[in-house]
C-alpha atoms as a PDB file:
ATOM      1  CA  UNK A   1      97.577 -42.177 -33.538  1.00  0.00           C
ATOM      2  CA  UNK A   2      95.712 -40.542 -31.202  1.00  0.00           C
ATOM      3  CA  UNK A   3      94.661 -36.488 -31.902  1.00  0.00           C
ATOM      4  CA  UNK A   4      94.777 -33.497 -29.130  1.00  0.00           C
ATOM      5  CA  UNK A   5      91.210 -34.562 -27.827  1.00  0.00           C
ATOM      6  CA  UNK A   6      89.164 -31.519 -25.128  1.00  0.00           C
ATOM      7  CA  UNK A   7      87.960 -31.355 -22.036  1.00  0.00           C
ATOM      8  CA  UNK A   8      84.791 -30.852 -20.611  1.00  0.00           C
ATOM      9  CA  UNK A   9      82.708 -30.870 -17.659  1.00  0.00           C
ATOM     10  CA  UNK A  10      80.817 -33.339 -16.529  1.00  0.00           C
ATOM     11  CA  UNK A  11      79.351 -33.630 -12.687  1.00  0.00           C
ATOM     12  CA  UNK A  12      81.613 -30.549 -12.103  1.00  0.00           C
ATOM     13  CA  UNK A  13      84.763 -32.559 -12.988  1.00  0.00           C
ATOM     14  CA  UNK A  14      87.353 -31.668 -16.197  1.00  0.00           C
ATOM     15  CA  UNK A  15      87.076 -35.280 -17.658  1.00  0.00           C
ATOM     16  CA  UNK A  16      88.542 -36.292 -21.589  1.00  0.00           C
ATOM     17  CA  UNK A  17      86.279 -36.669 -24.281  1.00  0.00           C
ATOM     18  CA  UNK A  18      86.754 -37.372 -28.042  1.00  0.00           C
ATOM     19  CA  UNK A  19      85.871 -37.393 -31.334  1.00  0.00           C
ATOM     20  CA  UNK A  20      84.545 -40.293 -33.652  1.00  0.00           C
ATOM     21  CA  UNK A  21      87.802 -40.530 -35.460  1.00  0.00           C
ATOM     22  CA  UNK A  22      89.827 -40.475 -32.333  1.00  0.00           C
ATOM     23  CA  UNK A  23      88.003 -43.604 -30.958  1.00  0.00           C
ATOM     24  CA  UNK A  24      88.192 -44.978 -34.006  1.00  0.00           C
ATOM     25  CA  UNK A  25      91.729 -44.162 -34.178  1.00  0.00           C
ATOM     26  CA  UNK A  26      92.544 -45.380 -30.515  1.00  0.00           C
ATOM     27  CA  UNK A  27      90.487 -48.721 -31.139  1.00  0.00           C
ATOM     28  CA  UNK A  28      91.909 -49.624 -34.683  1.00  0.00           C
ATOM     29  CA  UNK A  29      88.597 -49.055 -37.046  1.00  0.00           C
ATOM     30  CA  UNK A  30      87.984 -46.990 -39.553  1.00  0.00           C
ATOM     31  CA  UNK A  31      85.512 -43.895 -38.425  1.00  0.00           C
ATOM     32  CA  UNK A  32      82.115 -45.132 -40.573  1.00  0.00           C
ATOM     33  CA  UNK A  33      82.344 -47.982 -37.251  1.00  0.00           C
ATOM     34  CA  UNK A  34      82.804 -45.750 -34.716  1.00  0.00           C
ATOM     35  CA  UNK A  35      79.948 -44.410 -36.106  1.00  0.00           C
ATOM     36  CA  UNK A  36      78.011 -47.273 -36.384  1.00  0.00           C
ATOM     37  CA  UNK A  37      78.795 -48.579 -33.394  1.00  0.00           C
ATOM     38  CA  UNK A  38      77.204 -45.009 -31.388  1.00  0.00           C
ATOM     39  CA  UNK A  39      74.112 -44.838 -33.697  1.00  0.00           C
ATOM     40  CA  UNK A  40      73.543 -48.557 -32.558  1.00  0.00           C
ATOM     41  CA  UNK A  41      73.370 -47.476 -28.845  1.00  0.00           C
ATOM     42  CA  UNK A  42      76.448 -49.930 -28.392  1.00  0.00           C
ATOM     43  CA  UNK A  43      78.872 -46.764 -27.361  1.00  0.00           C
ATOM     44  CA  UNK A  44      77.421 -44.297 -25.754  1.00  0.00           C
ATOM     45  CA  UNK A  45      78.091 -40.198 -26.878  1.00  0.00           C
ATOM     46  CA  UNK A  46      76.678 -37.391 -27.214  1.00  0.00           C
ATOM     47  CA  UNK A  47      76.740 -34.459 -29.923  1.00  0.00           C
ATOM     48  CA  UNK A  48      78.132 -31.069 -30.250  1.00  0.00           C
ATOM     49  CA  UNK A  49      75.609 -27.654 -31.527  1.00  0.00           C
ATOM     50  CA  UNK A  50      77.661 -28.342 -34.964  1.00  0.00           C
ATOM     51  CA  UNK A  51      75.920 -32.186 -35.105  1.00  0.00           C
ATOM     52  CA  UNK A  52      79.920 -33.886 -34.274  1.00  0.00           C
ATOM     53  CA  UNK A  53      79.961 -37.162 -31.864  1.00  0.00           C
ATOM     54  CA  UNK A  54      81.328 -37.005 -28.933  1.00  0.00           C
ATOM     55  CA  UNK A  55      82.492 -39.307 -26.504  1.00  0.00           C
ATOM     56  CA  UNK A  56      83.597 -39.127 -22.718  1.00  0.00           C
ATOM     57  CA  UNK A  57      86.512 -40.796 -21.755  1.00  0.00           C
ATOM     58  CA  UNK A  58      85.116 -43.674 -19.272  1.00  0.00           C
ATOM     59  CA  UNK A  59      81.938 -44.614 -22.024  1.00  0.00           C
ATOM     60  CA  UNK A  60      84.955 -45.816 -24.451  1.00  0.00           C
ATOM     61  CA  UNK A  61      86.457 -48.442 -21.302  1.00  0.00           C
ATOM     62  CA  UNK A  62      83.149 -49.222 -20.463  1.00  0.00           C
ATOM     63  CA  UNK A  63      82.555 -49.759 -23.815  1.00  0.00           C
ATOM     64  CA  UNK A  64      85.903 -51.740 -24.270  1.00  0.00           C
ATOM     65  CA  UNK A  65      84.829 -53.827 -21.345  1.00  0.00           C
ATOM     66  CA  UNK A  66      81.963 -55.162 -21.610  1.00  0.00           C
ATOM     67  CA  UNK A  67      82.863 -55.949 -25.182  1.00  0.00           C
ATOM     68  CA  UNK A  68      86.090 -58.389 -23.725  1.00  0.00           C
ATOM     69  CA  UNK A  69      88.121 -55.748 -26.372  1.00  0.00           C
ATOM     70  CA  UNK A  70      91.574 -54.660 -25.900  1.00  0.00           C
ATOM     71  CA  UNK A  71      92.555 -51.229 -23.740  1.00  0.00           C
ATOM     72  CA  UNK A  72      94.549 -49.666 -25.928  1.00  0.00           C
ATOM     73  CA  UNK A  73      97.518 -48.046 -24.073  1.00  0.00           C
ATOM     74  CA  UNK A  74      97.306 -44.476 -25.182  1.00  0.00           C
ATOM     75  CA  UNK A  75      93.626 -44.403 -23.667  1.00  0.00           C
ATOM     76  CA  UNK A  76      94.754 -45.736 -20.564  1.00  0.00           C
ATOM     77  CA  UNK A  77      98.249 -42.905 -21.042  1.00  0.00           C
ATOM     78  CA  UNK A  78      95.554 -40.128 -22.313  1.00  0.00           C
ATOM     79  CA  UNK A  79      93.165 -41.273 -19.223  1.00  0.00           C
ATOM     80  CA  UNK A  80      96.093 -41.296 -16.430  1.00  0.00           C
ATOM     81  CA  UNK A  81      95.530 -39.866 -12.994  1.00  0.00           C
ATOM     82  CA  UNK A  82      97.408 -38.842 -10.849  1.00  0.00           C
ATOM     83  CA  UNK A  83      97.174 -40.762  -6.983  1.00  0.00           C
ATOM     84  CA  UNK A  84      97.312 -38.818  -3.733  1.00  0.00           C
ATOM     85  CA  UNK A  85     101.485 -40.768  -2.502  1.00  0.00           C
ATOM     86  CA  UNK A  86     100.210 -40.366   0.925  1.00  0.00           C
ATOM     87  CA  UNK A  87      96.651 -41.860   1.208  1.00  0.00           C
ATOM     88  CA  UNK A  88      95.745 -45.427   2.146  1.00  0.00           C
ATOM     89  CA  UNK A  89      92.479 -46.783   2.072  1.00  0.00           C
ATOM     90  CA  UNK A  90      91.589 -49.802   4.290  1.00  0.00           C
ATOM     91  CA  UNK A  91      88.291 -51.640   4.148  1.00  0.00           C
ATOM     92  CA  UNK A  92      87.184 -54.232   5.679  1.00  0.00           C
ATOM     93  CA  UNK A  93      83.319 -54.622   7.013  1.00  0.00           C
ATOM     94  CA  UNK A  94      85.417 -56.456  10.599  1.00  0.00           C
ATOM     95  CA  UNK A  95      85.062 -52.522  11.788  1.00  0.00           C
ATOM     96  CA  UNK A  96      87.865 -54.207  15.285  1.00  0.00           C
ATOM     97  CA  UNK A  97      90.317 -55.102  12.333  1.00  0.00           C
ATOM     98  CA  UNK A  98      89.468 -52.021   9.865  1.00  0.00           C
ATOM     99  CA  UNK A  99      91.082 -49.350  12.517  1.00  0.00           C
ATOM    100  CA  UNK A 100      93.729 -51.772  14.175  1.00  0.00           C
ATOM    101  CA  UNK A 101      95.427 -51.540  10.442  1.00  0.00           C
ATOM    102  CA  UNK A 102      94.400 -47.795  10.607  1.00  0.00           C
ATOM    103  CA  UNK A 103      96.213 -47.299  13.989  1.00  0.00           C
ATOM    104  CA  UNK A 104      99.097 -49.830  12.695  1.00  0.00           C
ATOM    105  CA  UNK A 105      99.488 -47.884   9.277  1.00  0.00           C
ATOM    106  CA  UNK A 106      99.727 -44.517  11.390  1.00  0.00           C
ATOM    107  CA  UNK A 107     102.274 -45.723  13.981  1.00  0.00           C
ATOM    108  CA  UNK A 108     104.827 -47.223  11.524  1.00  0.00           C
ATOM    109  CA  UNK A 109     104.123 -44.920   8.641  1.00  0.00           C
ATOM    110  CA  UNK A 110     103.196 -41.560  10.844  1.00  0.00           C
ATOM    111  CA  UNK A 111     103.000 -39.373   6.656  1.00  0.00           C
ATOM    112  CA  UNK A 112     100.833 -41.197   5.562  1.00  0.00           C
ATOM    113  CA  UNK A 113      96.836 -40.415   6.006  1.00  0.00           C
ATOM    114  CA  UNK A 114      94.465 -43.621   6.337  1.00  0.00           C
ATOM    115  CA  UNK A 115      90.597 -43.711   4.891  1.00  0.00           C
ATOM    116  CA  UNK A 116      88.392 -46.021   6.453  1.00  0.00           C
ATOM    117  CA  UNK A 117      85.772 -48.276   4.167  1.00  0.00           C
ATOM    118  CA  UNK A 118      83.197 -50.506   5.515  1.00  0.00           C
ATOM    119  CA  UNK A 119      81.709 -52.147   2.659  1.00  0.00           C
ATOM    120  CA  UNK A 120      82.665 -52.273  -1.606  1.00  0.00           C
ATOM    121  CA  UNK A 121      79.786 -49.784  -1.881  1.00  0.00           C
ATOM    122  CA  UNK A 122      82.035 -47.178   0.498  1.00  0.00           C
ATOM    123  CA  UNK A 123      85.128 -48.228  -0.789  1.00  0.00           C
ATOM    124  CA  UNK A 124      84.111 -47.675  -4.299  1.00  0.00           C
ATOM    125  CA  UNK A 125      83.117 -43.883  -4.069  1.00  0.00           C
ATOM    126  CA  UNK A 126      86.537 -42.869  -1.637  1.00  0.00           C
ATOM    127  CA  UNK A 127      88.537 -44.226  -4.620  1.00  0.00           C
ATOM    128  CA  UNK A 128      86.786 -42.514  -7.590  1.00  0.00           C
ATOM    129  CA  UNK A 129      86.698 -39.555  -5.367  1.00  0.00           C
ATOM    130  CA  UNK A 130      90.794 -39.556  -2.950  1.00  0.00           C
ATOM    131  CA  UNK A 131      92.805 -41.405  -5.522  1.00  0.00           C
ATOM    132  CA  UNK A 132      94.708 -43.402  -2.881  1.00  0.00           C
ATOM    133  CA  UNK A 133      97.825 -44.979  -3.964  1.00  0.00           C
ATOM    134  CA  UNK A 134      97.659 -48.043  -2.032  1.00  0.00           C
ATOM    135  CA  UNK A 135      93.884 -50.349  -1.032  1.00  0.00           C
ATOM    136  CA  UNK A 136      94.453 -52.770   1.895  1.00  0.00           C
ATOM    137  CA  UNK A 137      91.059 -54.909   0.547  1.00  0.00           C
ATOM    138  CA  UNK A 138      88.546 -57.505   2.467  1.00  0.00           C
ATOM    139  CA  UNK A 139      87.473 -60.391  -0.465  1.00  0.00           C
ATOM    140  CA  UNK A 140      84.163 -60.767   1.166  1.00  0.00           C
ATOM    141  CA  UNK A 141      82.715 -57.492   1.255  1.00  0.00           C
ATOM    142  CA  UNK A 142      79.210 -56.415   1.842  1.00  0.00           C
ATOM    143  CA  UNK A 143      77.312 -54.336  -0.901  1.00  0.00           C
ATOM    144  CA  UNK A 144      80.382 -55.028  -3.802  1.00  0.00           C
ATOM    145  CA  UNK A 145      82.071 -58.232  -3.359  1.00  0.00           C
ATOM    146  CA  UNK A 146      86.075 -57.944  -2.932  1.00  0.00           C
ATOM    147  CA  UNK A 147      87.212 -59.814  -6.130  1.00  0.00           C
ATOM    148  CA  UNK A 148      84.689 -57.866  -8.452  1.00  0.00           C
ATOM    149  CA  UNK A 149      86.283 -54.645  -6.598  1.00  0.00           C
ATOM    150  CA  UNK A 150      89.667 -55.660  -7.643  1.00  0.00           C
ATOM    151  CA  UNK A 151      89.002 -56.590 -10.571  1.00  0.00           C
ATOM    152  CA  UNK A 152      87.602 -52.943 -11.157  1.00  0.00           C
ATOM    153  CA  UNK A 153      90.004 -50.679  -9.810  1.00  0.00           C
ATOM    154  CA  UNK A 154      92.727 -52.395 -11.558  1.00  0.00           C
ATOM    155  CA  UNK A 155      91.080 -52.502 -15.017  1.00  0.00           C
ATOM    156  CA  UNK A 156      89.671 -49.416 -14.803  1.00  0.00           C
ATOM    157  CA  UNK A 157      92.293 -46.682 -15.463  1.00  0.00           C
ATOM    158  CA  UNK A 158      89.011 -43.870 -13.676  1.00  0.00           C
ATOM    159  CA  UNK A 159      90.710 -45.403 -10.891  1.00  0.00           C
ATOM    160  CA  UNK A 160      94.136 -44.255 -11.894  1.00  0.00           C
ATOM    161  CA  UNK A 161      94.938 -48.699 -10.459  1.00  0.00           C
ATOM    162  CA  UNK A 162      96.732 -47.700  -6.848  1.00  0.00           C
ATOM    163  CA  UNK A 163      98.649 -51.098  -5.596  1.00  0.00           C
ATOM    164  CA  UNK A 164      96.005 -53.393  -3.611  1.00  0.00           C
ATOM    165  CA  UNK A 165      97.038 -55.797  -1.393  1.00  0.00           C
ATOM    166  CA  UNK A 166      94.025 -59.078  -0.995  1.00  0.00           C
ATOM    167  CA  UNK A 167      92.589 -59.891   2.587  1.00  0.00           C
ATOM    168  CA  UNK A 168      90.964 -63.247   3.713  1.00  0.00           C
ATOM    169  CA  UNK A 169      89.916 -65.304   6.256  1.00  0.00           C
ATOM    170  CA  UNK A 170      90.025 -68.864   3.674  1.00  0.00           C
ATOM    171  CA  UNK A 171      93.739 -69.418   4.135  1.00  0.00           C
ATOM    172  CA  UNK A 172      93.847 -71.224   0.721  1.00  0.00           C
ATOM    173  CA  UNK A 173      96.210 -71.475  -2.585  1.00  0.00           C
ATOM    174  CA  UNK A 174      93.327 -71.154  -4.377  1.00  0.00           C
ATOM    175  CA  UNK A 175      92.275 -67.680  -2.748  1.00  0.00           C
ATOM    176  CA  UNK A 176      95.814 -66.568  -3.310  1.00  0.00           C
ATOM    177  CA  UNK A 177      95.408 -67.176  -6.987  1.00  0.00           C
ATOM    178  CA  UNK A 178      91.497 -65.963  -7.197  1.00  0.00           C
ATOM    179  CA  UNK A 179      92.861 -62.091  -6.079  1.00  0.00           C
ATOM    180  CA  UNK A 180      95.863 -62.445  -7.542  1.00  0.00           C
ATOM    181  CA  UNK A 181      94.648 -62.347 -10.610  1.00  0.00           C
ATOM    182  CA  UNK A 182      91.989 -60.173 -10.790  1.00  0.00           C
ATOM    183  CA  UNK A 183      95.221 -58.146 -10.137  1.00  0.00           C
ATOM    184  CA  UNK A 184      96.022 -58.033  -6.627  1.00  0.00           C
ATOM    185  CA  UNK A 185      99.916 -57.272  -5.949  1.00  0.00           C
ATOM    186  CA  UNK A 186      99.498 -59.518  -3.008  1.00  0.00           C
ATOM    187  CA  UNK A 187      97.702 -61.750  -0.695  1.00  0.00           C
ATOM    188  CA  UNK A 188      97.291 -61.936   2.869  1.00  0.00           C
ATOM    189  CA  UNK A 189      95.375 -64.493   5.104  1.00  0.00           C
ATOM    190  CA  UNK A 190      93.572 -64.275   8.383  1.00  0.00           C
ATOM    191  CA  UNK A 191      94.742 -63.736  10.824  1.00  0.00           C
ATOM    192  CA  UNK A 192      97.323 -61.453   9.559  1.00  0.00           C
ATOM    193  CA  UNK A 193     100.922 -61.519   9.513  1.00  0.00           C
ATOM    194  CA  UNK A 194     101.441 -57.669  10.608  1.00  0.00           C
ATOM    195  CA  UNK A 195     104.918 -57.495  10.027  1.00  0.00           C
ATOM    196  CA  UNK A 196     105.076 -58.911   7.151  1.00  0.00           C
ATOM    197  CA  UNK A 197     101.808 -56.915   5.689  1.00  0.00           C
ATOM    198  CA  UNK A 198     103.518 -53.612   6.603  1.00  0.00           C
ATOM    199  CA  UNK A 199     106.764 -54.698   5.165  1.00  0.00           C
ATOM    200  CA  UNK A 200     104.730 -55.148   2.156  1.00  0.00           C
ATOM    201  CA  UNK A 201     102.987 -51.716   2.037  1.00  0.00           C
ATOM    202  CA  UNK A 202     106.657 -49.955   2.270  1.00  0.00           C
ATOM    203  CA  UNK A 203     107.360 -52.023  -0.138  1.00  0.00           C
ATOM    204  CA  UNK A 204     104.321 -50.922  -2.344  1.00  0.00           C
ATOM    205  CA  UNK A 205     104.419 -47.062  -1.050  1.00  0.00           C
ATOM    206  CA  UNK A 206     105.204 -45.384  -4.423  1.00  0.00           C
ATOM    207  CA  UNK A 207     107.971 -43.965  -2.503  1.00  0.00           C
ATOM    208  CA  UNK A 208     109.733 -46.765  -1.575  1.00  0.00           C
ATOM    209  CA  UNK A 209     109.607 -47.510  -5.710  1.00  0.00           C
ATOM    210  CA  UNK A 210     111.582 -43.992  -6.240  1.00  0.00           C
ATOM    211  CA  UNK A 211     114.197 -44.768  -3.754  1.00  0.00           C
END
């Protein structure tokens, strides 16, 4: 059973940390196994002034994902991230299309705020810092590939798991299958059917789900 845990500052942000025993309970192992993971360098941890091990939630998540281990639902809940329900991120290195999408979204949904990224690295930073509720993401991105970024966004609860609409100039069922398999909520081939895209945005917005 998950304990209360604690919070502490890391890079000027408050993040969840767990004791070795809490990690053991989350992973369904004995406490000594967690300690062995830490001592072997597999699980990143630090020690308190009293000599107790502590593990940042993001490091525990990375440890589990690197080894293909199941992410416990309790950890997902403990690391819940509130998304900005009025913020949408558009990610595409085609600056003209990126701007067209931004303007269309602003016209159709005047209550939304739209931020833009033109490569995968910039998108990752905005996702971490701004917590948009929805991401329109091109697949073929410089920096970090859209497939990889989509997978990370959906698998890592530190991003808050926003809805993702993927887009690609490769119009094929294979690409659709790949992106849906990476966790995308929908896929649109280019040239984009803008009206259908706007309808999907309305469906995926948190406010629409609550109505």
